[in-house]
Amino acid sequence: MDKNTWKCEKCGYTFESEATKPMPETCPSCKEKCEFLNVTCYVPECGLKGQDPRLG
């Protein structure tokens, strides 16, 4: 898997980035410093790509 899907824990903004790239210090959407949650799909039910719907 070469891309991960990340979600801002403050505003819910999601984006994909290369797995090797560092995370931004602030969210591109809300401009707040936040923790990004890895919501990448790792199971066959969601096609092993994009956001895992169970992690909403």
Protein backbone atom coordinates (compact mmCIF):
# COMPACT_ATOMS: atom_id res chain seq x y z
CA MET A 1 0.00 0.00 0.00
CA ASP A 2 1.59 3.26 -1.06
CA LYS A 3 -1.05 5.74 0.11
CA ASN A 4 -2.78 6.25 3.43
CA THR A 5 -6.06 8.01 4.13
CA TRP A 6 -5.99 10.44 7.05
CA LYS A 7 -8.76 12.22 8.97
CA CYS A 8 -8.44 15.38 11.07
CA GLU A 9 -9.63 14.59 14.58
CA LYS A 10 -11.03 18.12 14.98
CA CYS A 11 -12.98 18.85 11.78
CA GLY A 12 -13.22 15.45 10.05
CA TYR A 13 -11.41 16.53 6.86
CA THR A 14 -9.98 13.49 5.05
CA PHE A 15 -7.15 13.30 2.54
CA GLU A 16 -4.77 10.80 1.01
CA SER A 17 -1.02 11.11 1.17
CA GLU A 18 1.99 9.04 0.25
CA ALA A 19 2.80 6.62 3.07
CA THR A 20 6.35 7.97 3.32
CA LYS A 21 5.43 11.68 3.49
CA PRO A 22 5.37 13.41 6.88
CA MET A 23 2.04 14.66 8.17
CA PRO A 24 1.36 18.41 8.02
CA GLU A 25 1.52 20.28 11.33
CA THR A 26 -1.88 21.89 10.71
CA CYS A 27 -5.01 20.65 8.98
CA PRO A 28 -5.38 21.92 5.39
CA SER A 29 -9.09 22.53 6.03
CA CYS A 30 -9.57 23.97 9.53
CA LYS A 31 -5.99 25.33 9.86
CA GLU A 32 -5.81 23.99 13.43
CA LYS A 33 -2.98 21.95 14.87
CA CYS A 34 -4.48 18.50 15.31
CA GLU A 35 -3.87 14.79 15.38
CA PHE A 36 -4.51 12.93 12.14
CA LEU A 37 -6.17 9.54 12.47
CA ASN A 38 -5.25 6.79 10.02
CA VAL A 39 -8.58 5.69 8.50
CA THR A 40 -7.07 3.69 5.63
CA CYS A 41 -8.96 0.58 4.55
CA TYR A 42 -6.90 -2.54 5.25
CA VAL A 43 -9.66 -5.15 4.73
CA PRO A 44 -11.11 -6.73 1.57
CA GLU A 45 -14.66 -5.53 2.35
CA CYS A 46 -13.77 -1.98 1.29
CA GLY A 47 -11.37 -2.89 -1.49
CA LEU A 48 -8.12 -2.40 0.46
CA LYS A 49 -7.97 1.27 -0.57
CA GLY A 50 -9.43 4.61 0.45
CA GLN A 51 -11.24 5.21 3.72
CA ASP A 52 -12.56 2.36 5.81
CA PRO A 53 -16.30 3.16 6.25
CA ARG A 54 -16.25 1.60 9.73
CA LEU A 55 -13.92 4.40 10.87
CA GLY A 56 -16.27 7.06 9.55
